[in-house]
Amino acid sequence: MFSRDMIYRMARRKEIPSMKIGRRVLFSDKAMDQWIAEQNELPIPE
């Protein structure tokens, strides 16, 4: 698992899907589910 600090750091670096409204950083369930699924895909060797 990731720590809270790591999640916010990844959001700042745009490594995970998020949006900022004022001082709040928000995460969409659907966007996070899709991001996780994409991270689990193996690249196809050429």
PDB file of N, CA and C in Angstrom:
ATOM      1  N   MET A   1       0.837  -1.180   0.000  1.00  0.00           N
ATOM      2  CA  MET A   1       0.000   0.000   0.000  1.00  0.00           C
ATOM      3  C   MET A   1       0.883   1.245   0.000  1.00  0.00           C
ATOM      4  N   PHE A   2       0.258   2.354  -0.332  1.00  0.00           N
ATOM      5  CA  PHE A   2       0.955   3.631  -0.375  1.00  0.00           C
ATOM      6  C   PHE A   2       0.556   4.464   0.836  1.00  0.00           C
ATOM      7  N   SER A   3       1.488   5.255   1.328  1.00  0.00           N
ATOM      8  CA  SER A   3       1.156   6.171   2.415  1.00  0.00           C
ATOM      9  C   SER A   3       0.380   7.362   1.851  1.00  0.00           C
ATOM     10  N   ARG A   4      -0.281   8.073   2.713  1.00  0.00           N
ATOM     11  CA  ARG A   4      -1.035   9.261   2.306  1.00  0.00           C
ATOM     12  C   ARG A   4      -0.101  10.269   1.635  1.00  0.00           C
ATOM     13  N   ASP A   5       1.082  10.485   2.223  1.00  0.00           N
ATOM     14  CA  ASP A   5       2.041  11.427   1.633  1.00  0.00           C
ATOM     15  C   ASP A   5       2.446  11.000   0.231  1.00  0.00           C
ATOM     16  N   MET A   6       2.654   9.719   0.012  1.00  0.00           N
ATOM     17  CA  MET A   6       3.054   9.220  -1.305  1.00  0.00           C
ATOM     18  C   MET A   6       1.945   9.462  -2.334  1.00  0.00           C
ATOM     19  N   ILE A   7       0.694   9.254  -1.943  1.00  0.00           N
ATOM     20  CA  ILE A   7      -0.433   9.478  -2.855  1.00  0.00           C
ATOM     21  C   ILE A   7      -0.487  10.939  -3.282  1.00  0.00           C
ATOM     22  N   TYR A   8      -0.376  11.855  -2.327  1.00  0.00           N
ATOM     23  CA  TYR A   8      -0.427  13.281  -2.666  1.00  0.00           C
ATOM     24  C   TYR A   8       0.789  13.701  -3.488  1.00  0.00           C
ATOM     25  N   ARG A   9       1.937  13.122  -3.210  1.00  0.00           N
ATOM     26  CA  ARG A   9       3.142  13.414  -4.001  1.00  0.00           C
ATOM     27  C   ARG A   9       2.950  12.944  -5.445  1.00  0.00           C
ATOM     28  N   MET A  10       2.389  11.754  -5.627  1.00  0.00           N
ATOM     29  CA  MET A  10       2.130  11.231  -6.971  1.00  0.00           C
ATOM     30  C   MET A  10       1.104  12.096  -7.700  1.00  0.00           C
ATOM     31  N   ALA A  11       0.115  12.605  -6.983  1.00  0.00           N
ATOM     32  CA  ALA A  11      -0.891  13.483  -7.592  1.00  0.00           C
ATOM     33  C   ALA A  11      -0.244  14.792  -8.042  1.00  0.00           C
ATOM     34  N   ARG A  12       0.629  15.360  -7.221  1.00  0.00           N
ATOM     35  CA  ARG A  12       1.324  16.601  -7.593  1.00  0.00           C
ATOM     36  C   ARG A  12       2.164  16.419  -8.840  1.00  0.00           C
ATOM     37  N   ARG A  13       2.786  15.245  -8.969  1.00  0.00           N
ATOM     38  CA  ARG A  13       3.644  14.950 -10.128  1.00  0.00           C
ATOM     39  C   ARG A  13       2.834  14.479 -11.334  1.00  0.00           C
ATOM     40  N   LYS A  14       1.511  14.414 -11.182  1.00  0.00           N
ATOM     41  CA  LYS A  14       0.609  13.958 -12.248  1.00  0.00           C
ATOM     42  C   LYS A  14       0.881  12.503 -12.637  1.00  0.00           C
ATOM     43  N   GLU A  15       1.322  11.702 -11.658  1.00  0.00           N
ATOM     44  CA  GLU A  15       1.572  10.279 -11.882  1.00  0.00           C
ATOM     45  C   GLU A  15       0.292   9.463 -11.710  1.00  0.00           C
ATOM     46  N   ILE A  16      -0.680  10.029 -11.008  1.00  0.00           N
ATOM     47  CA  ILE A  16      -1.979   9.386 -10.843  1.00  0.00           C
ATOM     48  C   ILE A  16      -3.062  10.419 -11.164  1.00  0.00           C
ATOM     49  N   PRO A  17      -4.236   9.962 -11.626  1.00  0.00           N
ATOM     50  CA  PRO A  17      -5.299  10.905 -11.979  1.00  0.00           C
ATOM     51  C   PRO A  17      -5.882  11.581 -10.735  1.00  0.00           C
ATOM     52  N   SER A  18      -5.954  12.899 -10.783  1.00  0.00           N
ATOM     53  CA  SER A  18      -6.528  13.661  -9.679  1.00  0.00           C
ATOM     54  C   SER A  18      -6.918  15.038 -10.186  1.00  0.00           C
ATOM     55  N   MET A  19      -7.667  15.757  -9.370  1.00  0.00           N
ATOM     56  CA  MET A  19      -7.979  17.150  -9.691  1.00  0.00           C
ATOM     57  C   MET A  19      -7.925  17.949  -8.402  1.00  0.00           C
ATOM     58  N   LYS A  20      -7.532  19.198  -8.527  1.00  0.00           N
ATOM     59  CA  LYS A  20      -7.412  20.056  -7.363  1.00  0.00           C
ATOM     60  C   LYS A  20      -8.463  21.151  -7.450  1.00  0.00           C
ATOM     61  N   ILE A  21      -9.228  21.300  -6.392  1.00  0.00           N
ATOM     62  CA  ILE A  21     -10.224  22.357  -6.283  1.00  0.00           C
ATOM     63  C   ILE A  21      -9.897  23.116  -4.999  1.00  0.00           C
ATOM     64  N   GLY A  22      -9.395  24.322  -5.181  1.00  0.00           N
ATOM     65  CA  GLY A  22      -8.929  25.078  -4.020  1.00  0.00           C
ATOM     66  C   GLY A  22      -7.731  24.364  -3.419  1.00  0.00           C
ATOM     67  N   ARG A  23      -7.801  24.065  -2.145  1.00  0.00           N
ATOM     68  CA  ARG A  23      -6.711  23.342  -1.479  1.00  0.00           C
ATOM     69  C   ARG A  23      -6.950  21.839  -1.450  1.00  0.00           C
ATOM     70  N   ARG A  24      -8.122  21.416  -1.914  1.00  0.00           N
ATOM     71  CA  ARG A  24      -8.488  19.996  -1.867  1.00  0.00           C
ATOM     72  C   ARG A  24      -7.998  19.262  -3.105  1.00  0.00           C
ATOM     73  N   VAL A  25      -7.474  18.070  -2.910  1.00  0.00           N
ATOM     74  CA  VAL A  25      -7.091  17.195  -4.016  1.00  0.00           C
ATOM     75  C   VAL A  25      -8.116  16.068  -4.037  1.00  0.00           C
ATOM     76  N   LEU A  26      -8.774  15.892  -5.193  1.00  0.00           N
ATOM     77  CA  LEU A  26      -9.839  14.904  -5.317  1.00  0.00           C
ATOM     78  C   LEU A  26      -9.435  13.802  -6.285  1.00  0.00           C
ATOM     79  N   PHE A  27      -9.920  12.597  -6.004  1.00  0.00           N
ATOM     80  CA  PHE A  27      -9.635  11.435  -6.823  1.00  0.00           C
ATOM     81  C   PHE A  27     -10.951  10.798  -7.240  1.00  0.00           C
ATOM     82  N   SER A  28     -11.120  10.555  -8.532  1.00  0.00           N
ATOM     83  CA  SER A  28     -12.315   9.897  -9.049  1.00  0.00           C
ATOM     84  C   SER A  28     -12.149   8.383  -8.919  1.00  0.00           C
ATOM     85  N   ASP A  29     -13.177   7.720  -8.401  1.00  0.00           N
ATOM     86  CA  ASP A  29     -13.124   6.255  -8.276  1.00  0.00           C
ATOM     87  C   ASP A  29     -12.896   5.600  -9.635  1.00  0.00           C
ATOM     88  N   LYS A  30     -13.650   6.043 -10.641  1.00  0.00           N
ATOM     89  CA  LYS A  30     -13.534   5.447 -11.975  1.00  0.00           C
ATOM     90  C   LYS A  30     -12.147   5.675 -12.563  1.00  0.00           C
ATOM     91  N   ALA A  31     -11.629   6.894 -12.433  1.00  0.00           N
ATOM     92  CA  ALA A  31     -10.308   7.203 -12.983  1.00  0.00           C
ATOM     93  C   ALA A  31      -9.227   6.388 -12.277  1.00  0.00           C
ATOM     94  N   MET A  32      -9.355   6.231 -10.960  1.00  0.00           N
ATOM     95  CA  MET A  32      -8.360   5.450 -10.217  1.00  0.00           C
ATOM     96  C   MET A  32      -8.446   3.971 -10.585  1.00  0.00           C
ATOM     97  N   ASP A  33      -9.668   3.440 -10.736  1.00  0.00           N
ATOM     98  CA  ASP A  33      -9.827   2.040 -11.144  1.00  0.00           C
ATOM     99  C   ASP A  33      -9.190   1.798 -12.509  1.00  0.00           C
ATOM    100  N   GLN A  34      -9.411   2.731 -13.435  1.00  0.00           N
ATOM    101  CA  GLN A  34      -8.834   2.603 -14.772  1.00  0.00           C
ATOM    102  C   GLN A  34      -7.312   2.692 -14.707  1.00  0.00           C
ATOM    103  N   TRP A  35      -6.789   3.622 -13.915  1.00  0.00           N
ATOM    104  CA  TRP A  35      -5.342   3.784 -13.779  1.00  0.00           C
ATOM    105  C   TRP A  35      -4.717   2.506 -13.210  1.00  0.00           C
ATOM    106  N   ILE A  36      -5.351   1.927 -12.196  1.00  0.00           N
ATOM    107  CA  ILE A  36      -4.840   0.691 -11.587  1.00  0.00           C
ATOM    108  C   ILE A  36      -4.843  -0.436 -12.610  1.00  0.00           C
ATOM    109  N   ALA A  37      -5.915  -0.563 -13.382  1.00  0.00           N
ATOM    110  CA  ALA A  37      -5.995  -1.611 -14.406  1.00  0.00           C
ATOM    111  C   ALA A  37      -4.892  -1.429 -15.446  1.00  0.00           C
ATOM    112  N   GLU A  38      -4.623  -0.190 -15.835  1.00  0.00           N
ATOM    113  CA  GLU A  38      -3.568   0.075 -16.819  1.00  0.00           C
ATOM    114  C   GLU A  38      -2.193  -0.269 -16.260  1.00  0.00           C
ATOM    115  N   GLN A  39      -1.994  -0.076 -14.966  1.00  0.00           N
ATOM    116  CA  GLN A  39      -0.701  -0.367 -14.354  1.00  0.00           C
ATOM    117  C   GLN A  39      -0.439  -1.867 -14.300  1.00  0.00           C
ATOM    118  N   ASN A  40      -1.509  -2.658 -14.302  1.00  0.00           N
ATOM    119  CA  ASN A  40      -1.377  -4.110 -14.217  1.00  0.00           C
ATOM    120  C   ASN A  40      -1.217  -4.777 -15.575  1.00  0.00           C
ATOM    121  N   GLU A  41      -1.352  -4.012 -16.667  1.00  0.00           N
ATOM    122  CA  GLU A  41      -1.194  -4.581 -17.999  1.00  0.00           C
ATOM    123  C   GLU A  41       0.285  -4.783 -18.300  1.00  0.00           C
ATOM    124  N   LEU A  42       0.596  -5.913 -18.906  1.00  0.00           N
ATOM    125  CA  LEU A  42       1.975  -6.190 -19.292  1.00  0.00           C
ATOM    126  C   LEU A  42       2.218  -5.681 -20.705  1.00  0.00           C
ATOM    127  N   PRO A  43       3.368  -5.071 -20.942  1.00  0.00           N
ATOM    128  CA  PRO A  43       3.660  -4.607 -22.303  1.00  0.00           C
ATOM    129  C   PRO A  43       3.846  -5.791 -23.250  1.00  0.00           C
ATOM    130  N   ILE A  44       3.434  -5.615 -24.491  1.00  0.00           N
ATOM    131  CA  ILE A  44       3.571  -6.658 -25.501  1.00  0.00           C
ATOM    132  C   ILE A  44       4.931  -6.491 -26.173  1.00  0.00           C
ATOM    133  N   PRO A  45       5.810  -7.515 -26.067  1.00  0.00           N
ATOM    134  CA  PRO A  45       7.130  -7.394 -26.711  1.00  0.00           C
ATOM    135  C   PRO A  45       7.000  -7.382 -28.234  1.00  0.00           C
ATOM    136  N   GLU A  46       7.842  -6.583 -28.862  1.00  0.00           N
ATOM    137  CA  GLU A  46       7.795  -6.487 -30.328  1.00  0.00           C
ATOM    138  C   GLU A  46       8.761  -7.447 -30.966  1.00  0.00           C
TER     139      GLU A  46
END
